[in-house]
């Protein structure tokens, strides 16, 4: 029975708690911590965790609670220090996205993971969805041919009060805006599907949130071989209609699910009748996939528990988390400096270092309000 601790008891902690409770035979939540006095105890009571010890000091919890695995569900600026402390104490770590605001901090976390011999996984819960597992299987099948274009719409909507929470809307505490904290999931999926791009360029804006320093909208173009990908990262899209469309040499697939395969006439224009045989082959790949037993955070937590038991790497490991932060960093560098950025980013790049982005980032607006707790209705 693995002993679980949770650091940070805000809204996202609920997904972690429910995820662990789905595996009661394998683990037990024995401790929760939050720097706001009494908050961890309130969360334990809300979930009926009567035997869990509540801490107001996360580092004390790591030192005293005898943990096997800890979830870090705190603001991004705190991830590195908490994860390193836990790993150096011999505790496995599952850290919320984004892994950290800078590549330097990501590498410090990876170094701690390597010297400790423990596991470090970064939350990428969308990998644990049947529809996205289907998209991945089809891309990996080779049936699409070479990839021409990918369109990723990480479309969210948040009203002005969203940025009133004390740590949101600032470069120092949140690390960035919609690109880092919302599109990080879609960036992970893009990297999962296609790997690392060679070049990135981007533009950023704050279109609707004049109570935040950070961007609420960015549009990036990424180069993959002969093809391109475009990524929209937004918290200004009404309807939150998210989509991934992969255009290949032979066919197009997308999430939400759709398959199209054109055939060329002798003059190059599309035939009236599409390639039904290829569509059927792609649909068979989708139909043959076994549904996942657990989804989202529960799926990733189940994978992490199994990885600890068997000694294998988790599906979404520390390098995956770092790769997503590298793409975000390149988007910020491209947008701030108005240039095309080549990957990988080296350690001597100023944007690699913790603090450089904060000191270089434009303040689209200044934060107007700061509240200790988000208001939930």
Protein backbone atom coordinates (compact mmCIF):
# COMPACT_ATOMS: atom_id res chain seq x y z
CA UNK A 1 0.00 0.00 0.00
CA UNK A 2 1.64 3.20 -1.18
CA UNK A 3 1.45 6.22 1.11
CA UNK A 4 0.31 9.35 -0.77
CA UNK A 5 0.69 13.02 0.06
CA UNK A 6 -0.80 16.01 -1.75
CA UNK A 7 0.79 19.46 -1.71
CA UNK A 8 -1.61 22.26 -2.61
CA UNK A 9 -5.31 21.89 -1.89
CA UNK A 10 -6.88 24.26 -4.42
CA UNK A 11 -9.32 23.22 -7.12
CA UNK A 12 -6.98 20.95 -9.12
CA UNK A 13 -6.23 18.91 -5.98
CA UNK A 14 -9.74 17.45 -6.28
CA UNK A 15 -8.74 15.67 -9.50
CA UNK A 16 -5.71 14.17 -7.76
CA UNK A 17 -7.68 13.08 -4.71
CA UNK A 18 -10.38 11.45 -6.83
CA UNK A 19 -7.69 9.82 -8.94
CA UNK A 20 -6.03 8.19 -5.94
CA UNK A 21 -9.40 7.17 -4.48
CA UNK A 22 -10.01 5.17 -7.68
CA UNK A 23 -7.12 2.90 -6.57
CA UNK A 24 -7.96 2.32 -2.91
CA UNK A 25 -6.45 -1.18 -2.99
CA UNK A 26 -3.08 0.20 -4.09
CA UNK A 27 -2.66 3.47 -2.20
CA UNK A 28 -3.86 5.61 0.69
CA UNK A 29 -3.84 9.40 1.02
CA UNK A 30 -2.14 9.90 4.38
CA UNK A 31 -1.24 13.61 4.29
CA UNK A 32 -2.21 16.91 2.69
CA UNK A 33 -0.39 20.23 2.88
CA UNK A 34 -1.14 23.84 2.01
CA UNK A 35 0.60 27.06 3.04
CA UNK A 36 -2.78 28.66 3.83
CA UNK A 37 -3.45 27.72 7.47
CA UNK A 38 -6.33 25.28 7.86
CA UNK A 39 -6.90 24.81 4.14
CA UNK A 40 -5.45 21.29 3.98
CA UNK A 41 -7.58 20.21 6.93
CA UNK A 42 -10.69 21.57 5.22
CA UNK A 43 -9.90 19.61 2.05
CA UNK A 44 -9.34 16.40 4.03
CA UNK A 45 -12.68 16.86 5.76
CA UNK A 46 -14.48 17.58 2.47
CA UNK A 47 -13.31 14.23 1.06
CA UNK A 48 -13.79 12.23 4.24
CA UNK A 49 -10.06 11.59 4.62
CA UNK A 50 -10.37 11.15 8.36
CA UNK A 51 -6.99 9.46 8.83
CA UNK A 52 -4.99 11.96 6.73
CA UNK A 53 -2.73 14.40 8.58
CA UNK A 54 -3.02 18.05 7.52
CA UNK A 55 0.06 20.26 7.33
CA UNK A 56 0.51 24.00 6.86
CA UNK A 57 4.17 23.41 5.87
CA UNK A 58 4.67 21.25 2.75
CA UNK A 59 8.35 20.67 3.52
CA UNK A 60 7.47 19.38 6.98
CA UNK A 61 4.98 16.97 5.40
CA UNK A 62 7.66 15.63 3.05
CA UNK A 63 10.09 15.18 5.95
CA UNK A 64 7.69 13.64 8.47
CA UNK A 65 4.84 11.78 6.75
CA UNK A 66 6.73 8.73 5.46
CA UNK A 67 5.45 9.15 1.91
CA UNK A 68 5.99 7.00 -1.15
CA UNK A 69 4.47 9.41 -3.67
CA UNK A 70 3.48 13.06 -3.56
CA UNK A 71 1.32 15.10 -5.91
CA UNK A 72 2.45 18.71 -6.32
CA UNK A 73 -0.64 20.79 -7.16
CA UNK A 74 0.58 24.30 -6.37
CA UNK A 75 1.25 27.44 -8.44
CA UNK A 76 3.92 26.88 -11.13
CA UNK A 77 6.57 29.07 -9.49
CA UNK A 78 6.73 26.63 -6.55
CA UNK A 79 6.95 23.36 -8.48
CA UNK A 80 10.73 23.06 -8.72
CA UNK A 81 11.54 23.64 -5.03
CA UNK A 82 8.81 21.27 -3.82
CA UNK A 83 9.59 18.53 -6.34
CA UNK A 84 13.34 18.66 -5.65
CA UNK A 85 12.76 18.48 -1.89
CA UNK A 86 10.48 15.46 -2.26
CA UNK A 87 12.78 13.63 -4.67
CA UNK A 88 15.81 14.26 -2.47
CA UNK A 89 13.79 12.82 0.44
CA UNK A 90 13.28 9.62 -1.57
CA UNK A 91 9.67 10.31 -2.56
CA UNK A 92 8.26 9.77 -6.06
CA UNK A 93 6.64 12.90 -7.53
CA UNK A 94 3.67 13.64 -9.78
CA UNK A 95 3.75 17.36 -10.54
CA UNK A 96 0.98 19.41 -12.12
CA UNK A 97 1.49 21.16 -15.42
CA UNK A 98 3.44 23.19 -16.34
CA UNK A 99 6.49 21.38 -14.98
CA UNK A 100 8.14 24.71 -14.07
CA UNK A 101 8.34 28.22 -15.53
CA UNK A 102 11.91 27.82 -16.84
CA UNK A 103 14.10 25.17 -18.44
CA UNK A 104 16.71 25.72 -15.74
CA UNK A 105 14.18 24.72 -13.09
CA UNK A 106 13.03 21.74 -15.17
CA UNK A 107 16.62 20.53 -15.40
CA UNK A 108 17.07 20.94 -11.64
CA UNK A 109 14.04 18.70 -11.16
CA UNK A 110 15.41 16.12 -13.62
CA UNK A 111 18.79 16.18 -11.85
CA UNK A 112 17.04 15.49 -8.52
CA UNK A 113 15.11 12.65 -10.09
CA UNK A 114 18.28 11.10 -11.47
CA UNK A 115 20.31 11.33 -8.25
CA UNK A 116 17.41 10.05 -6.13
CA UNK A 117 16.46 7.13 -8.34
CA UNK A 118 12.80 8.02 -7.78
CA UNK A 119 10.20 8.62 -10.52
CA UNK A 120 9.07 12.05 -11.69
CA UNK A 121 5.98 12.42 -13.84
CA UNK A 122 4.38 15.62 -15.16
CA UNK A 123 0.61 15.77 -15.47
CA UNK A 124 -0.49 15.24 -19.07
CA UNK A 125 -3.95 13.85 -18.41
CA UNK A 126 -5.19 14.28 -21.98
CA UNK A 127 -2.94 11.40 -23.07
CA UNK A 128 -5.34 9.29 -21.03
CA UNK A 129 -8.41 9.89 -23.19
CA UNK A 130 -9.83 7.40 -25.68
CA UNK A 131 -10.30 9.97 -28.46
CA UNK A 132 -6.74 11.25 -28.24
CA UNK A 133 -5.31 7.74 -27.91
CA UNK A 134 -7.13 7.01 -31.18
CA UNK A 135 -5.60 10.05 -32.87
CA UNK A 136 -2.14 8.98 -31.69
CA UNK A 137 -2.63 5.42 -32.96
CA UNK A 138 -3.68 6.63 -36.42
CA UNK A 139 -0.77 9.08 -36.72
CA UNK A 140 1.64 6.33 -35.63
CA UNK A 141 0.12 3.86 -38.12
CA UNK A 142 1.63 5.67 -41.11
CA UNK A 143 -1.67 5.55 -42.99
CA UNK A 144 -1.70 9.35 -43.31
CA UNK A 145 1.64 9.48 -45.10
CA UNK A 146 3.92 12.44 -44.41
CA UNK A 147 2.40 15.23 -42.30
CA UNK A 148 1.65 18.47 -44.15
CA UNK A 149 -0.07 20.62 -41.54
CA UNK A 150 -1.45 20.39 -38.02
CA UNK A 151 -3.87 22.90 -36.56
CA UNK A 152 -4.19 22.95 -32.79
CA UNK A 153 -6.86 25.15 -31.21
CA UNK A 154 -6.28 25.34 -27.47
CA UNK A 155 -9.40 27.47 -27.09
CA UNK A 156 -10.58 28.42 -23.61
CA UNK A 157 -12.59 31.30 -22.17
CA UNK A 158 -12.05 33.02 -18.83
CA UNK A 159 -13.71 36.19 -17.55
CA UNK A 160 -11.96 39.07 -15.82
CA UNK A 161 -12.34 37.69 -12.25
CA UNK A 162 -10.25 34.65 -13.22
CA UNK A 163 -7.08 36.73 -12.88
CA UNK A 164 -8.03 38.15 -9.48
CA UNK A 165 -6.59 35.09 -7.71
CA UNK A 166 -3.35 36.19 -6.05
CA UNK A 167 -0.90 34.16 -8.14
CA UNK A 168 -2.63 34.36 -11.52
CA UNK A 169 -1.93 36.98 -14.14
CA UNK A 170 1.66 37.74 -13.10
CA UNK A 171 4.82 36.66 -14.86
CA UNK A 172 6.57 36.03 -11.53
CA UNK A 173 3.99 33.76 -9.89
CA UNK A 174 2.13 32.16 -12.82
CA UNK A 175 5.10 32.09 -15.17
CA UNK A 176 3.02 33.12 -18.17
CA UNK A 177 -0.49 33.34 -19.54
CA UNK A 178 -2.62 31.17 -21.79
CA UNK A 179 0.38 29.67 -23.61
CA UNK A 180 1.99 28.22 -20.49
CA UNK A 181 -0.99 27.49 -18.30
CA UNK A 182 -3.76 26.46 -20.70
CA UNK A 183 -2.18 25.39 -23.98
CA UNK A 184 0.48 23.34 -22.19
CA UNK A 185 -1.85 20.33 -22.54
CA UNK A 186 -2.24 20.78 -26.28
CA UNK A 187 1.49 21.45 -26.65
CA UNK A 188 2.17 18.15 -24.92
CA UNK A 189 -0.25 16.44 -27.29
CA UNK A 190 1.41 18.03 -30.33
CA UNK A 191 4.82 16.82 -29.13
CA UNK A 192 3.34 13.38 -28.35
CA UNK A 193 2.01 13.18 -31.90
CA UNK A 194 4.88 14.68 -33.89
CA UNK A 195 7.92 15.22 -31.65
CA UNK A 196 10.01 18.37 -31.33
CA UNK A 197 9.71 21.02 -34.08
CA UNK A 198 12.81 22.59 -35.60
CA UNK A 199 11.67 26.23 -35.59
CA UNK A 200 9.01 28.40 -33.96
CA UNK A 201 7.71 31.91 -34.49
CA UNK A 202 4.83 33.58 -32.70
CA UNK A 203 2.84 36.67 -31.78
CA UNK A 204 1.27 37.36 -28.37
CA UNK A 205 -1.45 39.69 -27.16
CA UNK A 206 -3.66 40.55 -24.23
CA UNK A 207 -6.97 41.05 -25.98
CA UNK A 208 -9.52 41.08 -23.15
CA UNK A 209 -7.95 40.95 -19.66
CA UNK A 210 -6.76 44.36 -18.52
CA UNK A 211 -6.22 43.05 -14.97
CA UNK A 212 -3.33 40.75 -15.96
CA UNK A 213 0.31 41.29 -16.94
CA UNK A 214 0.37 38.15 -19.09
CA UNK A 215 -0.93 37.23 -22.52
CA UNK A 216 -4.45 35.86 -22.96
CA UNK A 217 -3.85 34.95 -26.62
CA UNK A 218 -0.93 33.70 -28.70
CA UNK A 219 -0.63 32.29 -32.19
CA UNK A 220 2.48 30.26 -33.04
CA UNK A 221 3.75 28.56 -36.19
CA UNK A 222 6.01 25.52 -35.78
CA UNK A 223 8.10 23.87 -38.52
CA UNK A 224 8.08 20.07 -38.84
CA UNK A 225 10.24 18.85 -41.72
CA UNK A 226 8.49 20.02 -44.90
CA UNK A 227 5.29 20.78 -43.01
CA UNK A 228 3.96 23.30 -40.52
CA UNK A 229 1.82 23.32 -37.39
CA UNK A 230 -0.15 26.27 -36.07
CA UNK A 231 -1.08 26.60 -32.43
CA UNK A 232 -3.61 29.02 -30.98
CA UNK A 233 -3.40 29.41 -27.19
CA UNK A 234 -6.36 31.36 -25.86
CA UNK A 235 -8.57 32.24 -22.93
CA UNK A 236 -10.72 34.56 -25.08
CA UNK A 237 -12.57 31.99 -27.23
CA UNK A 238 -16.29 31.77 -26.48
CA UNK A 239 -17.51 28.20 -26.67
CA UNK A 240 -14.08 26.71 -25.91
CA UNK A 241 -14.20 24.70 -29.13
CA UNK A 242 -10.93 22.80 -29.00
CA UNK A 243 -9.67 20.88 -31.99
CA UNK A 244 -6.63 19.08 -33.36
CA UNK A 245 -6.60 18.59 -37.14
CA UNK A 246 -3.80 16.55 -38.72
CA UNK A 247 -3.45 16.89 -42.49
CA UNK A 248 -1.33 14.15 -44.04
CA UNK A 249 -0.21 13.33 -47.55
CA UNK A 250 -3.01 10.78 -47.97
CA UNK A 251 -5.71 11.70 -45.46
CA UNK A 252 -6.85 14.02 -42.70
CA UNK A 253 -7.89 12.98 -39.18
CA UNK A 254 -8.99 15.15 -36.32
CA UNK A 255 -10.24 15.33 -32.78
CA UNK A 256 -13.23 15.64 -32.50
CA UNK A 257 -13.09 12.56 -34.69
CA UNK A 258 -13.32 12.95 -38.44
CA UNK A 259 -11.58 11.18 -41.32
CA UNK A 260 -11.28 12.47 -44.89
CA UNK A 261 -9.14 11.06 -47.70
CA UNK A 262 -9.06 12.75 -51.11
CA UNK A 263 -8.03 11.15 -54.42
CA UNK A 264 -6.60 13.18 -57.29
CA UNK A 265 -7.96 13.39 -60.82
CA UNK A 266 -5.40 13.42 -63.66
CA UNK A 267 -5.38 17.23 -63.51
CA UNK A 268 -4.65 17.24 -59.76
CA UNK A 269 -8.06 18.40 -58.60
CA UNK A 270 -9.90 16.16 -56.09
CA UNK A 271 -12.07 13.34 -57.37
CA UNK A 272 -15.77 13.59 -56.65
CA UNK A 273 -15.54 10.21 -54.87
CA UNK A 274 -13.09 10.20 -51.97
CA UNK A 275 -10.79 7.31 -51.01
CA UNK A 276 -13.30 5.13 -49.16
CA UNK A 277 -10.85 2.23 -48.82
CA UNK A 278 -8.26 4.32 -46.97
CA UNK A 279 -10.95 5.85 -44.75
CA UNK A 280 -12.11 2.34 -43.87
CA UNK A 281 -8.55 1.27 -42.96
CA UNK A 282 -8.14 4.28 -40.68
CA UNK A 283 -11.51 3.65 -39.07
CA UNK A 284 -10.43 0.05 -38.38
CA UNK A 285 -7.37 1.29 -36.47
CA UNK A 286 -9.70 3.38 -34.34
CA UNK A 287 -12.23 0.60 -33.83
CA UNK A 288 -9.57 -1.94 -32.79
CA UNK A 289 -8.28 0.13 -29.88
CA UNK A 290 -9.17 -1.14 -26.41
CA UNK A 291 -10.95 1.53 -24.33
CA UNK A 292 -8.89 2.87 -21.44
CA UNK A 293 -9.85 1.62 -17.99
CA UNK A 294 -9.33 5.04 -16.39
CA UNK A 295 -9.29 8.50 -17.88
CA UNK A 296 -7.72 11.89 -17.17
CA UNK A 297 -5.95 12.30 -13.84
CA UNK A 298 -7.11 8.86 -12.71
CA UNK A 299 -5.57 7.33 -15.81
CA UNK A 300 -2.26 9.06 -15.20
CA UNK A 301 -2.28 8.25 -11.49
CA UNK A 302 -2.94 4.60 -12.31
CA UNK A 303 -0.01 4.65 -14.71
CA UNK A 304 2.22 6.25 -12.06
CA UNK A 305 1.26 3.68 -9.43
CA UNK A 306 2.02 0.87 -11.87
CA UNK A 307 5.33 2.48 -12.84
CA UNK A 308 6.36 2.59 -9.16
CA UNK A 309 5.39 -1.06 -8.66
CA UNK A 310 7.17 -2.33 -11.78
CA UNK A 311 10.13 0.04 -11.90
CA UNK A 312 9.38 1.29 -15.41
CA UNK A 313 9.23 4.88 -16.60
CA UNK A 314 5.81 6.59 -16.47
CA UNK A 315 4.05 7.35 -19.75
CA UNK A 316 4.43 11.11 -19.25
CA UNK A 317 7.89 11.48 -17.75
CA UNK A 318 10.03 14.45 -16.75
CA UNK A 319 11.55 14.83 -20.21
CA UNK A 320 8.07 15.11 -21.71
CA UNK A 321 7.26 17.86 -19.23
CA UNK A 322 10.50 19.67 -20.06
CA UNK A 323 9.87 19.40 -23.80
CA UNK A 324 6.53 21.18 -23.42
CA UNK A 325 8.13 23.97 -21.38
CA UNK A 326 10.83 24.31 -24.06
CA UNK A 327 8.19 24.93 -26.73
CA UNK A 328 6.42 27.48 -24.50
CA UNK A 329 9.75 29.21 -23.83
CA UNK A 330 10.46 29.34 -27.56
CA UNK A 331 7.01 30.85 -28.22
CA UNK A 332 7.66 33.55 -25.62
CA UNK A 333 11.14 34.25 -26.99
CA UNK A 334 9.78 34.46 -30.54
CA UNK A 335 6.95 36.74 -29.48
CA UNK A 336 9.00 39.02 -27.24
CA UNK A 337 11.99 39.31 -29.60
CA UNK A 338 9.94 39.17 -32.83
CA UNK A 339 12.05 36.48 -34.44
CA UNK A 340 12.16 32.86 -35.55
CA UNK A 341 13.57 30.61 -32.80
CA UNK A 342 15.44 27.37 -33.51
CA UNK A 343 15.18 24.33 -31.25
CA UNK A 344 16.64 22.97 -29.08
CA UNK A 345 17.27 25.94 -26.79
CA UNK A 346 20.78 25.75 -25.34
CA UNK A 347 21.81 26.33 -21.72
CA UNK A 348 23.61 29.54 -22.71
CA UNK A 349 20.39 31.02 -24.11
CA UNK A 350 19.19 33.78 -21.73
CA UNK A 351 15.66 32.38 -21.90
CA UNK A 352 16.91 29.09 -20.44
CA UNK A 353 17.54 30.70 -17.07
CA UNK A 354 15.02 31.18 -14.28
CA UNK A 355 14.04 34.80 -13.98
CA UNK A 356 15.02 35.96 -17.46
CA UNK A 357 11.53 35.60 -18.89
CA UNK A 358 10.07 37.51 -15.94
CA UNK A 359 12.52 40.36 -16.41
CA UNK A 360 12.05 40.46 -20.21
CA UNK A 361 8.30 39.95 -20.52
CA UNK A 362 6.06 42.85 -21.46
CA UNK A 363 3.38 43.83 -18.98
CA UNK A 364 0.34 44.04 -21.19
CA UNK A 365 -1.52 45.48 -18.19
CA UNK A 366 -0.91 45.66 -14.45
CA UNK A 367 -2.74 43.37 -12.05
CA UNK A 368 -5.66 45.27 -10.51
CA UNK A 369 -6.90 42.98 -7.73
CA UNK A 370 -5.48 40.16 -5.63
CA UNK A 371 -7.72 37.76 -3.71
CA UNK A 372 -6.57 34.85 -1.58
CA UNK A 373 -9.17 32.37 -2.83
CA UNK A 374 -10.98 31.92 -6.12
CA UNK A 375 -14.72 32.43 -5.84
CA UNK A 376 -16.59 29.29 -6.89
CA UNK A 377 -20.35 29.12 -7.33
